[in-house]
Each structure stands twice: as C-alpha cells, then as structure tokens.
N, C-alpha and C. Protein backbone atom coordinates (compact mmCIF):
# COMPACT_ATOMS: atom_id res chain seq x y z
N MET A 1 -16.57 -17.53 14.14
CA MET A 1 -15.69 -16.37 13.97
C MET A 1 -15.70 -15.53 15.25
N THR A 2 -14.51 -15.19 15.72
CA THR A 2 -14.38 -14.32 16.89
C THR A 2 -14.57 -12.88 16.45
N ILE A 3 -15.46 -12.14 17.11
CA ILE A 3 -15.76 -10.76 16.73
C ILE A 3 -15.49 -9.84 17.90
N ALA A 4 -14.70 -8.78 17.65
CA ALA A 4 -14.44 -7.76 18.67
C ALA A 4 -14.91 -6.43 18.12
N VAL A 5 -15.71 -5.70 18.88
CA VAL A 5 -16.23 -4.40 18.44
C VAL A 5 -15.87 -3.35 19.49
N GLY A 6 -15.15 -2.31 19.05
CA GLY A 6 -14.83 -1.20 19.94
C GLY A 6 -13.90 -1.53 21.08
N GLU A 7 -13.15 -2.61 20.97
CA GLU A 7 -12.26 -3.00 22.08
C GLU A 7 -10.95 -2.23 22.04
N ASP A 8 -10.37 -2.04 23.22
CA ASP A 8 -9.13 -1.29 23.35
C ASP A 8 -7.97 -2.25 23.59
N PHE A 9 -7.10 -2.36 22.56
CA PHE A 9 -5.91 -3.20 22.66
C PHE A 9 -4.65 -2.33 22.78
N SER A 10 -4.81 -1.08 23.22
CA SER A 10 -3.67 -0.17 23.35
C SER A 10 -2.61 -0.77 24.26
N ASP A 11 -1.35 -0.68 23.83
CA ASP A 11 -0.19 -1.14 24.60
C ASP A 11 -0.19 -2.66 24.83
N ALA A 12 -1.09 -3.38 24.18
CA ALA A 12 -1.11 -4.84 24.36
C ALA A 12 0.12 -5.48 23.74
N VAL A 13 0.62 -6.53 24.35
CA VAL A 13 1.73 -7.30 23.80
C VAL A 13 1.15 -8.61 23.29
N LEU A 14 1.05 -8.72 21.96
CA LEU A 14 0.42 -9.87 21.32
C LEU A 14 1.36 -10.46 20.27
N THR A 15 2.63 -10.54 20.62
CA THR A 15 3.64 -10.98 19.65
C THR A 15 3.47 -12.45 19.31
N GLY A 16 3.75 -12.75 18.03
CA GLY A 16 3.81 -14.14 17.57
C GLY A 16 2.49 -14.89 17.56
N GLN A 17 1.39 -14.19 17.72
CA GLN A 17 0.10 -14.89 17.74
C GLN A 17 -0.36 -15.25 16.33
N GLU A 18 -1.28 -16.23 16.24
CA GLU A 18 -1.88 -16.62 14.98
C GLU A 18 -3.38 -16.42 15.09
N TRP A 19 -3.92 -15.55 14.21
CA TRP A 19 -5.34 -15.25 14.21
C TRP A 19 -5.94 -15.74 12.90
N ASP A 20 -6.98 -16.54 12.99
CA ASP A 20 -7.62 -17.10 11.80
C ASP A 20 -9.12 -16.80 11.85
N GLY A 21 -9.63 -16.09 10.84
CA GLY A 21 -11.05 -15.83 10.74
C GLY A 21 -11.62 -14.91 11.80
N ARG A 22 -10.80 -14.05 12.37
CA ARG A 22 -11.30 -13.12 13.40
C ARG A 22 -11.76 -11.81 12.76
N SER A 23 -12.65 -11.12 13.45
CA SER A 23 -13.18 -9.85 12.96
C SER A 23 -13.03 -8.79 14.04
N PHE A 24 -12.50 -7.63 13.66
CA PHE A 24 -12.30 -6.51 14.58
C PHE A 24 -12.94 -5.27 13.96
N GLU A 25 -13.79 -4.60 14.70
CA GLU A 25 -14.46 -3.40 14.20
C GLU A 25 -14.27 -2.25 15.18
N ARG A 26 -13.71 -1.14 14.65
CA ARG A 26 -13.46 0.07 15.46
C ARG A 26 -12.64 -0.25 16.72
N CYS A 27 -11.67 -1.12 16.59
CA CYS A 27 -10.79 -1.45 17.72
C CYS A 27 -9.53 -0.59 17.68
N ASP A 28 -8.94 -0.37 18.84
CA ASP A 28 -7.78 0.50 18.96
C ASP A 28 -6.55 -0.32 19.34
N PHE A 29 -5.57 -0.35 18.41
CA PHE A 29 -4.32 -1.08 18.63
C PHE A 29 -3.15 -0.10 18.83
N THR A 30 -3.43 1.09 19.35
CA THR A 30 -2.39 2.11 19.53
C THR A 30 -1.24 1.58 20.40
N ASP A 31 -0.02 1.72 19.88
CA ASP A 31 1.21 1.33 20.57
C ASP A 31 1.24 -0.15 20.96
N ALA A 32 0.43 -0.97 20.31
CA ALA A 32 0.45 -2.41 20.60
C ALA A 32 1.66 -3.06 19.94
N ASP A 33 2.17 -4.10 20.57
CA ASP A 33 3.29 -4.86 20.02
C ASP A 33 2.72 -6.12 19.36
N LEU A 34 2.62 -6.07 18.03
CA LEU A 34 2.07 -7.19 17.25
C LEU A 34 3.13 -7.83 16.36
N ARG A 35 4.39 -7.73 16.78
CA ARG A 35 5.47 -8.32 15.99
C ARG A 35 5.24 -9.81 15.79
N GLY A 36 5.46 -10.24 14.56
CA GLY A 36 5.35 -11.67 14.27
C GLY A 36 3.92 -12.18 14.21
N LEU A 37 2.93 -11.29 14.29
CA LEU A 37 1.52 -11.69 14.20
C LEU A 37 1.26 -12.33 12.83
N ARG A 38 0.47 -13.41 12.81
CA ARG A 38 0.07 -14.05 11.56
C ARG A 38 -1.45 -14.05 11.49
N THR A 39 -2.01 -13.39 10.45
CA THR A 39 -3.46 -13.37 10.28
C THR A 39 -3.83 -14.08 8.98
N THR A 40 -4.92 -14.82 9.03
CA THR A 40 -5.47 -15.47 7.85
C THR A 40 -6.97 -15.25 7.84
N SER A 41 -7.47 -14.70 6.74
CA SER A 41 -8.91 -14.47 6.56
C SER A 41 -9.53 -13.67 7.71
N CYS A 42 -8.79 -12.70 8.23
CA CYS A 42 -9.31 -11.81 9.27
C CYS A 42 -9.87 -10.54 8.62
N VAL A 43 -10.70 -9.81 9.36
CA VAL A 43 -11.26 -8.56 8.88
C VAL A 43 -11.08 -7.49 9.96
N PHE A 44 -10.43 -6.38 9.58
CA PHE A 44 -10.26 -5.23 10.47
C PHE A 44 -11.00 -4.06 9.81
N THR A 45 -11.99 -3.52 10.47
CA THR A 45 -12.78 -2.43 9.90
C THR A 45 -12.69 -1.20 10.80
N GLU A 46 -12.20 -0.09 10.23
CA GLU A 46 -12.08 1.19 10.94
C GLU A 46 -11.29 1.05 12.24
N CYS A 47 -10.24 0.25 12.19
CA CYS A 47 -9.37 0.08 13.37
C CYS A 47 -8.21 1.07 13.32
N THR A 48 -7.65 1.37 14.48
CA THR A 48 -6.55 2.33 14.60
C THR A 48 -5.27 1.60 14.98
N PHE A 49 -4.21 1.84 14.19
CA PHE A 49 -2.91 1.22 14.43
C PHE A 49 -1.86 2.32 14.58
N THR A 50 -2.04 3.23 15.52
CA THR A 50 -1.10 4.32 15.73
C THR A 50 0.08 3.84 16.57
N GLY A 51 1.29 3.97 16.01
CA GLY A 51 2.49 3.55 16.74
C GLY A 51 2.58 2.05 16.94
N THR A 52 1.79 1.29 16.21
CA THR A 52 1.75 -0.17 16.36
C THR A 52 2.95 -0.82 15.67
N ASP A 53 3.52 -1.83 16.30
CA ASP A 53 4.63 -2.58 15.70
C ASP A 53 4.08 -3.85 15.06
N LEU A 54 4.02 -3.84 13.72
CA LEU A 54 3.60 -5.01 12.95
C LEU A 54 4.79 -5.63 12.22
N GLY A 55 5.99 -5.34 12.70
CA GLY A 55 7.19 -5.88 12.09
C GLY A 55 7.18 -7.41 12.06
N GLU A 56 7.67 -7.97 10.98
CA GLU A 56 7.79 -9.42 10.81
C GLU A 56 6.45 -10.14 10.86
N SER A 57 5.35 -9.40 10.64
CA SER A 57 4.03 -10.03 10.63
C SER A 57 3.71 -10.54 9.23
N VAL A 58 2.76 -11.48 9.16
CA VAL A 58 2.34 -12.07 7.89
C VAL A 58 0.82 -12.04 7.83
N HIS A 59 0.28 -11.48 6.74
CA HIS A 59 -1.16 -11.35 6.59
C HIS A 59 -1.58 -11.95 5.26
N ARG A 60 -2.46 -12.94 5.32
CA ARG A 60 -2.93 -13.60 4.09
C ARG A 60 -4.45 -13.55 4.04
N ALA A 61 -4.98 -13.12 2.89
CA ALA A 61 -6.43 -13.05 2.67
C ALA A 61 -7.14 -12.27 3.79
N THR A 62 -6.46 -11.25 4.30
CA THR A 62 -7.00 -10.44 5.39
C THR A 62 -7.43 -9.08 4.84
N ALA A 63 -8.51 -8.53 5.40
CA ALA A 63 -9.02 -7.23 4.96
C ALA A 63 -8.78 -6.18 6.03
N PHE A 64 -8.15 -5.09 5.64
CA PHE A 64 -7.99 -3.91 6.49
C PHE A 64 -8.81 -2.80 5.81
N ARG A 65 -10.03 -2.61 6.24
CA ARG A 65 -10.94 -1.68 5.57
C ARG A 65 -11.04 -0.37 6.35
N SER A 66 -10.67 0.72 5.69
CA SER A 66 -10.76 2.06 6.29
C SER A 66 -10.05 2.13 7.64
N CYS A 67 -8.91 1.47 7.73
CA CYS A 67 -8.11 1.50 8.96
C CYS A 67 -7.13 2.67 8.91
N ARG A 68 -6.63 3.04 10.07
CA ARG A 68 -5.68 4.16 10.19
C ARG A 68 -4.35 3.62 10.70
N PHE A 69 -3.31 3.79 9.87
CA PHE A 69 -1.95 3.37 10.23
C PHE A 69 -1.10 4.63 10.35
N ASP A 70 -0.76 4.99 11.56
CA ASP A 70 0.00 6.22 11.81
C ASP A 70 1.28 5.85 12.55
N ARG A 71 2.43 6.07 11.92
CA ARG A 71 3.74 5.70 12.49
C ARG A 71 3.80 4.20 12.79
N THR A 72 3.14 3.43 11.98
CA THR A 72 3.11 1.97 12.14
C THR A 72 4.36 1.36 11.51
N VAL A 73 4.89 0.33 12.16
CA VAL A 73 6.07 -0.37 11.64
C VAL A 73 5.63 -1.62 10.88
N PHE A 74 6.01 -1.69 9.59
CA PHE A 74 5.71 -2.86 8.75
C PHE A 74 6.99 -3.57 8.31
N GLN A 75 8.13 -3.19 8.81
CA GLN A 75 9.40 -3.74 8.31
C GLN A 75 9.42 -5.27 8.42
N HIS A 76 9.89 -5.89 7.32
CA HIS A 76 10.00 -7.34 7.20
C HIS A 76 8.65 -8.05 7.26
N SER A 77 7.56 -7.31 6.98
CA SER A 77 6.23 -7.91 6.99
C SER A 77 5.84 -8.36 5.59
N THR A 78 4.85 -9.28 5.54
CA THR A 78 4.32 -9.78 4.28
C THR A 78 2.82 -9.61 4.25
N VAL A 79 2.32 -9.04 3.17
CA VAL A 79 0.89 -8.86 2.96
C VAL A 79 0.57 -9.53 1.63
N GLU A 80 -0.26 -10.57 1.66
CA GLU A 80 -0.50 -11.36 0.46
C GLU A 80 -1.99 -11.66 0.30
N GLY A 81 -2.53 -11.30 -0.88
CA GLY A 81 -3.93 -11.56 -1.16
C GLY A 81 -4.88 -10.81 -0.24
N CYS A 82 -4.46 -9.62 0.18
CA CYS A 82 -5.23 -8.84 1.14
C CYS A 82 -5.91 -7.65 0.47
N THR A 83 -6.76 -6.97 1.21
CA THR A 83 -7.32 -5.70 0.77
C THR A 83 -7.07 -4.66 1.87
N MET A 84 -6.69 -3.46 1.44
CA MET A 84 -6.49 -2.35 2.37
C MET A 84 -7.33 -1.18 1.89
N LEU A 85 -8.52 -1.49 1.42
CA LEU A 85 -9.44 -0.54 0.84
C LEU A 85 -9.70 0.66 1.75
N GLY A 86 -9.35 1.85 1.24
CA GLY A 86 -9.64 3.08 1.96
C GLY A 86 -8.84 3.33 3.22
N SER A 87 -7.81 2.55 3.45
CA SER A 87 -6.99 2.75 4.66
C SER A 87 -5.99 3.88 4.45
N GLY A 88 -5.60 4.53 5.55
CA GLY A 88 -4.66 5.64 5.48
C GLY A 88 -3.35 5.30 6.17
N PHE A 89 -2.23 5.68 5.54
CA PHE A 89 -0.90 5.38 6.06
C PHE A 89 -0.13 6.69 6.19
N VAL A 90 0.29 7.02 7.41
CA VAL A 90 1.02 8.27 7.65
C VAL A 90 2.32 7.96 8.40
N ASP A 91 3.43 8.37 7.83
CA ASP A 91 4.75 8.21 8.47
C ASP A 91 5.03 6.78 8.90
N CYS A 92 4.62 5.82 8.08
CA CYS A 92 4.87 4.40 8.40
C CYS A 92 6.24 3.96 7.89
N ARG A 93 6.80 2.97 8.56
CA ARG A 93 8.08 2.40 8.12
C ARG A 93 7.79 1.07 7.44
N PHE A 94 8.04 1.03 6.12
CA PHE A 94 7.71 -0.15 5.33
C PHE A 94 8.91 -1.03 5.00
N ARG A 95 10.01 -0.43 4.60
CA ARG A 95 11.09 -1.21 3.98
C ARG A 95 11.94 -1.95 4.99
N PRO A 96 12.30 -3.23 4.65
CA PRO A 96 11.81 -4.02 3.52
C PRO A 96 10.41 -4.55 3.80
N PHE A 97 9.62 -4.66 2.72
CA PHE A 97 8.20 -4.96 2.84
C PHE A 97 7.81 -5.82 1.64
N THR A 98 7.08 -6.89 1.88
CA THR A 98 6.64 -7.77 0.79
C THR A 98 5.13 -7.67 0.65
N VAL A 99 4.67 -7.34 -0.56
CA VAL A 99 3.24 -7.21 -0.80
C VAL A 99 2.91 -7.87 -2.15
N ARG A 100 1.93 -8.76 -2.14
CA ARG A 100 1.55 -9.48 -3.37
C ARG A 100 0.03 -9.55 -3.47
N GLU A 101 -0.46 -9.41 -4.71
CA GLU A 101 -1.88 -9.61 -5.01
C GLU A 101 -2.80 -8.90 -4.01
N THR A 102 -2.50 -7.65 -3.76
CA THR A 102 -3.22 -6.88 -2.75
C THR A 102 -3.93 -5.68 -3.36
N ASP A 103 -5.11 -5.38 -2.84
CA ASP A 103 -5.92 -4.27 -3.32
C ASP A 103 -5.73 -3.06 -2.40
N MET A 104 -5.14 -2.01 -2.94
CA MET A 104 -4.90 -0.78 -2.19
C MET A 104 -5.80 0.35 -2.71
N THR A 105 -6.94 -0.01 -3.28
CA THR A 105 -7.87 0.98 -3.81
C THR A 105 -8.25 2.01 -2.74
N LEU A 106 -8.20 3.28 -3.13
CA LEU A 106 -8.57 4.41 -2.26
C LEU A 106 -7.69 4.56 -1.02
N ALA A 107 -6.56 3.88 -0.99
CA ALA A 107 -5.64 4.01 0.15
C ALA A 107 -4.96 5.38 0.11
N GLY A 108 -4.69 5.93 1.27
CA GLY A 108 -3.96 7.19 1.38
C GLY A 108 -2.53 6.90 1.82
N MET A 109 -1.59 7.03 0.89
CA MET A 109 -0.20 6.68 1.19
C MET A 109 0.75 7.82 0.90
N GLY A 110 0.26 9.04 0.91
CA GLY A 110 1.11 10.18 0.59
C GLY A 110 2.42 10.18 1.36
N ARG A 111 3.51 10.39 0.62
CA ARG A 111 4.87 10.50 1.16
C ARG A 111 5.45 9.18 1.68
N ALA A 112 4.80 8.07 1.41
CA ALA A 112 5.35 6.78 1.86
C ALA A 112 6.65 6.46 1.12
N ASP A 113 7.57 5.84 1.82
CA ASP A 113 8.85 5.43 1.24
C ASP A 113 8.80 3.93 0.97
N LEU A 114 8.63 3.58 -0.31
CA LEU A 114 8.57 2.18 -0.72
C LEU A 114 9.65 1.87 -1.74
N ARG A 115 10.73 2.62 -1.71
CA ARG A 115 11.81 2.44 -2.70
C ARG A 115 12.20 0.97 -2.86
N GLY A 116 12.29 0.56 -4.14
CA GLY A 116 12.79 -0.77 -4.45
C GLY A 116 11.83 -1.91 -4.13
N THR A 117 10.59 -1.61 -3.77
CA THR A 117 9.63 -2.65 -3.39
C THR A 117 9.00 -3.27 -4.63
N ASP A 118 8.77 -4.57 -4.60
CA ASP A 118 8.10 -5.27 -5.67
C ASP A 118 6.60 -5.06 -5.51
N LEU A 119 6.01 -4.26 -6.39
CA LEU A 119 4.59 -3.93 -6.33
C LEU A 119 3.86 -4.42 -7.58
N ARG A 120 4.37 -5.49 -8.18
CA ARG A 120 3.77 -6.02 -9.40
C ARG A 120 2.31 -6.39 -9.20
N GLY A 121 1.46 -5.89 -10.09
CA GLY A 121 0.06 -6.26 -10.09
C GLY A 121 -0.78 -5.69 -8.96
N ILE A 122 -0.21 -4.83 -8.12
CA ILE A 122 -0.97 -4.27 -7.01
C ILE A 122 -2.00 -3.27 -7.55
N ARG A 123 -3.18 -3.28 -6.97
CA ARG A 123 -4.24 -2.36 -7.40
C ARG A 123 -4.19 -1.11 -6.53
N PHE A 124 -3.81 0.02 -7.16
CA PHE A 124 -3.76 1.31 -6.50
C PHE A 124 -4.84 2.25 -7.06
N ARG A 125 -5.97 1.72 -7.47
CA ARG A 125 -7.01 2.55 -8.09
C ARG A 125 -7.46 3.66 -7.14
N GLU A 126 -7.40 4.91 -7.65
CA GLU A 126 -7.87 6.08 -6.90
C GLU A 126 -7.11 6.29 -5.59
N ALA A 127 -5.95 5.68 -5.44
CA ALA A 127 -5.16 5.84 -4.22
C ALA A 127 -4.42 7.18 -4.25
N ASN A 128 -4.12 7.70 -3.07
CA ASN A 128 -3.32 8.92 -2.98
C ASN A 128 -1.86 8.51 -2.78
N LEU A 129 -1.08 8.63 -3.85
CA LEU A 129 0.35 8.31 -3.80
C LEU A 129 1.19 9.56 -3.97
N SER A 130 0.62 10.72 -3.68
CA SER A 130 1.33 11.98 -3.84
C SER A 130 2.62 11.99 -3.03
N GLU A 131 3.70 12.38 -3.69
CA GLU A 131 5.02 12.51 -3.07
C GLU A 131 5.56 11.21 -2.51
N CYS A 132 5.01 10.09 -2.92
CA CYS A 132 5.58 8.79 -2.50
C CYS A 132 6.93 8.60 -3.17
N ASP A 133 7.80 7.87 -2.51
CA ASP A 133 9.08 7.52 -3.10
C ASP A 133 8.98 6.08 -3.60
N LEU A 134 8.77 5.95 -4.90
CA LEU A 134 8.64 4.64 -5.54
C LEU A 134 9.79 4.39 -6.50
N ARG A 135 10.92 5.02 -6.23
CA ARG A 135 12.08 4.81 -7.09
C ARG A 135 12.48 3.34 -7.11
N LYS A 136 12.78 2.86 -8.32
CA LYS A 136 13.26 1.49 -8.55
C LYS A 136 12.24 0.43 -8.14
N CYS A 137 10.97 0.80 -8.01
CA CYS A 137 9.93 -0.18 -7.70
C CYS A 137 9.56 -0.96 -8.96
N ASP A 138 9.15 -2.19 -8.78
CA ASP A 138 8.64 -2.99 -9.87
C ASP A 138 7.12 -2.85 -9.84
N LEU A 139 6.58 -2.07 -10.77
CA LEU A 139 5.15 -1.80 -10.84
C LEU A 139 4.53 -2.41 -12.10
N ARG A 140 5.15 -3.44 -12.63
CA ARG A 140 4.60 -4.08 -13.82
C ARG A 140 3.18 -4.57 -13.55
N GLU A 141 2.29 -4.28 -14.50
CA GLU A 141 0.88 -4.70 -14.43
C GLU A 141 0.12 -4.09 -13.25
N ALA A 142 0.69 -3.12 -12.55
CA ALA A 142 -0.03 -2.47 -11.44
C ALA A 142 -1.13 -1.58 -12.01
N ASP A 143 -2.20 -1.43 -11.26
CA ASP A 143 -3.32 -0.60 -11.70
C ASP A 143 -3.29 0.72 -10.93
N LEU A 144 -2.85 1.77 -11.62
CA LEU A 144 -2.75 3.10 -11.03
C LEU A 144 -3.86 4.01 -11.57
N SER A 145 -4.94 3.43 -12.05
CA SER A 145 -6.04 4.21 -12.62
C SER A 145 -6.61 5.17 -11.58
N GLY A 146 -6.62 6.43 -11.93
CA GLY A 146 -7.19 7.44 -11.05
C GLY A 146 -6.35 7.77 -9.83
N ALA A 147 -5.16 7.19 -9.72
CA ALA A 147 -4.30 7.45 -8.56
C ALA A 147 -3.75 8.88 -8.62
N ARG A 148 -3.63 9.50 -7.45
CA ARG A 148 -3.01 10.83 -7.37
C ARG A 148 -1.50 10.64 -7.30
N LEU A 149 -0.80 11.19 -8.31
CA LEU A 149 0.64 10.97 -8.43
C LEU A 149 1.42 12.29 -8.44
N LEU A 150 0.88 13.32 -7.83
CA LEU A 150 1.55 14.61 -7.81
C LEU A 150 2.87 14.51 -7.04
N GLY A 151 3.97 14.72 -7.75
CA GLY A 151 5.29 14.67 -7.12
C GLY A 151 5.77 13.27 -6.75
N THR A 152 5.07 12.26 -7.21
CA THR A 152 5.47 10.88 -6.90
C THR A 152 6.76 10.56 -7.64
N ARG A 153 7.73 9.99 -6.93
CA ARG A 153 9.03 9.70 -7.52
C ARG A 153 9.03 8.28 -8.09
N LEU A 154 9.06 8.21 -9.41
CA LEU A 154 9.05 6.92 -10.11
C LEU A 154 10.32 6.72 -10.94
N GLU A 155 11.39 7.43 -10.56
CA GLU A 155 12.63 7.28 -11.31
C GLU A 155 13.10 5.82 -11.27
N GLU A 156 13.46 5.33 -12.44
CA GLU A 156 13.99 3.97 -12.62
C GLU A 156 12.99 2.87 -12.20
N ALA A 157 11.71 3.23 -12.06
CA ALA A 157 10.69 2.22 -11.77
C ALA A 157 10.34 1.47 -13.04
N ASN A 158 9.89 0.25 -12.90
CA ASN A 158 9.45 -0.55 -14.04
C ASN A 158 7.93 -0.44 -14.13
N LEU A 159 7.46 0.28 -15.15
CA LEU A 159 6.03 0.53 -15.32
C LEU A 159 5.45 -0.20 -16.53
N ARG A 160 6.15 -1.20 -17.03
CA ARG A 160 5.65 -1.92 -18.21
C ARG A 160 4.35 -2.64 -17.88
N GLY A 161 3.34 -2.36 -18.70
CA GLY A 161 2.05 -2.99 -18.50
C GLY A 161 1.21 -2.37 -17.41
N ALA A 162 1.71 -1.34 -16.75
CA ALA A 162 0.95 -0.67 -15.69
C ALA A 162 -0.13 0.22 -16.32
N ARG A 163 -1.26 0.34 -15.63
CA ARG A 163 -2.32 1.24 -16.08
C ARG A 163 -2.13 2.56 -15.34
N ILE A 164 -1.83 3.59 -16.12
CA ILE A 164 -1.56 4.91 -15.55
C ILE A 164 -2.16 5.96 -16.48
N GLU A 165 -2.87 6.92 -15.91
CA GLU A 165 -3.58 7.90 -16.72
C GLU A 165 -2.70 9.10 -17.05
N ALA A 166 -3.19 9.91 -18.00
CA ALA A 166 -2.42 11.05 -18.48
C ALA A 166 -2.02 12.00 -17.36
N ASP A 167 -2.94 12.27 -16.41
CA ASP A 167 -2.61 13.16 -15.29
C ASP A 167 -1.39 12.65 -14.53
N GLY A 168 -1.37 11.35 -14.28
CA GLY A 168 -0.25 10.76 -13.55
C GLY A 168 1.05 10.88 -14.32
N LEU A 169 0.97 10.73 -15.64
CA LEU A 169 2.17 10.82 -16.47
C LEU A 169 2.73 12.23 -16.48
N VAL A 170 1.88 13.22 -16.26
CA VAL A 170 2.33 14.61 -16.22
C VAL A 170 2.83 14.99 -14.83
N GLN A 171 2.17 14.49 -13.79
CA GLN A 171 2.47 14.93 -12.42
C GLN A 171 3.62 14.20 -11.75
N ALA A 172 3.86 12.95 -12.13
CA ALA A 172 4.91 12.15 -11.48
C ALA A 172 6.29 12.46 -12.07
N VAL A 173 7.32 12.11 -11.32
CA VAL A 173 8.70 12.24 -11.80
C VAL A 173 9.10 10.88 -12.36
N LEU A 174 9.31 10.82 -13.68
CA LEU A 174 9.48 9.53 -14.37
C LEU A 174 10.86 9.32 -14.99
N ARG A 175 11.82 10.15 -14.65
CA ARG A 175 13.14 10.02 -15.26
C ARG A 175 13.70 8.61 -15.12
N GLY A 176 14.05 8.01 -16.25
CA GLY A 176 14.68 6.69 -16.23
C GLY A 176 13.72 5.53 -16.00
N ALA A 177 12.41 5.82 -15.94
CA ALA A 177 11.43 4.74 -15.74
C ALA A 177 11.34 3.89 -17.00
N ARG A 178 11.06 2.60 -16.82
CA ARG A 178 10.87 1.70 -17.95
C ARG A 178 9.39 1.59 -18.26
N VAL A 179 9.03 1.86 -19.51
CA VAL A 179 7.63 1.80 -19.91
C VAL A 179 7.50 1.02 -21.21
N ASP A 180 6.27 0.56 -21.49
CA ASP A 180 6.02 -0.09 -22.78
C ASP A 180 5.66 0.98 -23.80
N SER A 181 5.50 0.57 -25.05
CA SER A 181 5.26 1.55 -26.12
C SER A 181 3.94 2.29 -25.93
N MET A 182 2.90 1.64 -25.43
CA MET A 182 1.61 2.31 -25.22
C MET A 182 1.75 3.43 -24.18
N THR A 183 2.47 3.16 -23.10
CA THR A 183 2.66 4.19 -22.07
C THR A 183 3.53 5.32 -22.61
N ALA A 184 4.52 4.98 -23.44
CA ALA A 184 5.37 6.01 -24.03
C ALA A 184 4.56 6.95 -24.91
N LEU A 185 3.63 6.38 -25.70
CA LEU A 185 2.77 7.21 -26.54
C LEU A 185 1.84 8.06 -25.69
N ALA A 186 1.29 7.48 -24.61
CA ALA A 186 0.42 8.24 -23.71
C ALA A 186 1.20 9.36 -23.05
N PHE A 187 2.45 9.10 -22.67
CA PHE A 187 3.31 10.10 -22.05
C PHE A 187 3.54 11.26 -23.01
N ALA A 188 3.85 10.93 -24.27
CA ALA A 188 4.07 11.97 -25.28
C ALA A 188 2.82 12.81 -25.47
N ALA A 189 1.67 12.16 -25.58
CA ALA A 189 0.42 12.90 -25.77
C ALA A 189 0.10 13.76 -24.56
N ALA A 190 0.34 13.23 -23.36
CA ALA A 190 0.07 13.98 -22.13
C ALA A 190 0.93 15.24 -22.04
N HIS A 191 2.08 15.21 -22.68
CA HIS A 191 2.99 16.36 -22.67
C HIS A 191 2.85 17.23 -23.92
N GLY A 192 1.75 17.01 -24.69
CA GLY A 192 1.44 17.87 -25.82
C GLY A 192 2.17 17.55 -27.10
N LEU A 193 2.82 16.39 -27.16
CA LEU A 193 3.53 16.01 -28.36
C LEU A 193 2.58 15.36 -29.36
N HIS A 194 2.85 15.53 -30.65
CA HIS A 194 2.08 14.88 -31.71
C HIS A 194 2.92 13.77 -32.29
N VAL A 195 2.45 12.55 -32.14
CA VAL A 195 3.20 11.40 -32.65
C VAL A 195 2.60 10.96 -33.96
N ASP A 196 3.43 10.97 -35.03
CA ASP A 196 2.95 10.55 -36.36
C ASP A 196 3.30 9.10 -36.62
C-alpha cells in the first residue's frame, strides 16, 4: 500500500489517474485538478479538498474520514460503497451526483444542494443536513437517525422506509413528501396529534 502523510498536492494536475489501495493522511489537495480520478479501496484521513475538482471521478470502497471539502466540485461523480465518516462539505457542487451504499455518518452537509439525487439506503446517522435542499430526492430506506434536519427541504422526497426521528419530522419541510404509514403516524405524534 502506498502511504502519503502530510504531503502537499496543492494545484497538482492528476486527471484521469487510477489509485488502488493508497492511503493519504493529512494531505492537502487544495485547488488540485482530480477530474476523472478513479479510486478503489483507498483511505483519505483528515485531508483537505478546498477548491478541488473531483468532477467525473469514481470512488469505490474508498474511505474519506474527517476530510474537509470546501467549494469542491463533484459533478458527474460516482461514490459507491464508500464511507465519508465525519467529513465536512461546504459550498460544494454536487449535481448531478451518483451515490450508492455509502456511509455519511456524522457528515456536515449543511445547505448542500442535492435536489433530485437518488439517496436510497444512504446512512446519514447524526449528520448535519440543516437547510439542505433534498427536494424530490429518493431517500427510501435511508437512515436519518439523529440527523439534524432544521430547515431541510424534503418537499416531494420519497421517504418510504426511511428512519427519521420525531425532531426531524418537526424541523424539516415535508410538504408533498411520500411516507409510509409508520412515518405518517410518527409525524402526527410529533406534531401533537392523537391518533385513535
């Protein structure tokens, strides 16, 4: 396994590369051009991706742990079977974005625009999704346990089978969202209704 610790990749042009089984710790990818990058079973720990272009990249079974994504471009990228545990995303460009079977536990994604994205089964446990735009997203079977959903826009989202707590049901904007009967009952109870 190739291991890089504390290396500076700022402004590097690394387009179209394929990385397999590499490890990066506290590395700086600020303003790097990583378009078309393909990673498999790589690990990024506490790395910085400020202004980084990850457009059209593909990441499979890769871990981004406690990384910082600030104004990062993810357009036309695919993230599959990955973990982004504790990573923070600020002013990133996602859409269109493909994400499958990924763990976003404790991720900070406040105000992210993911409208219309397929987020089925994604784990957002304890994530900060405050003021995110998740309108028309497919969130079936997603785990939103403990997620912060203050002002999160979930209009017309599909939440059938999603795990979402009472606080989230009160704080999010849910007009037109599709829910199953259990979530509907939880929504009613969270809003002080008595269902007989």
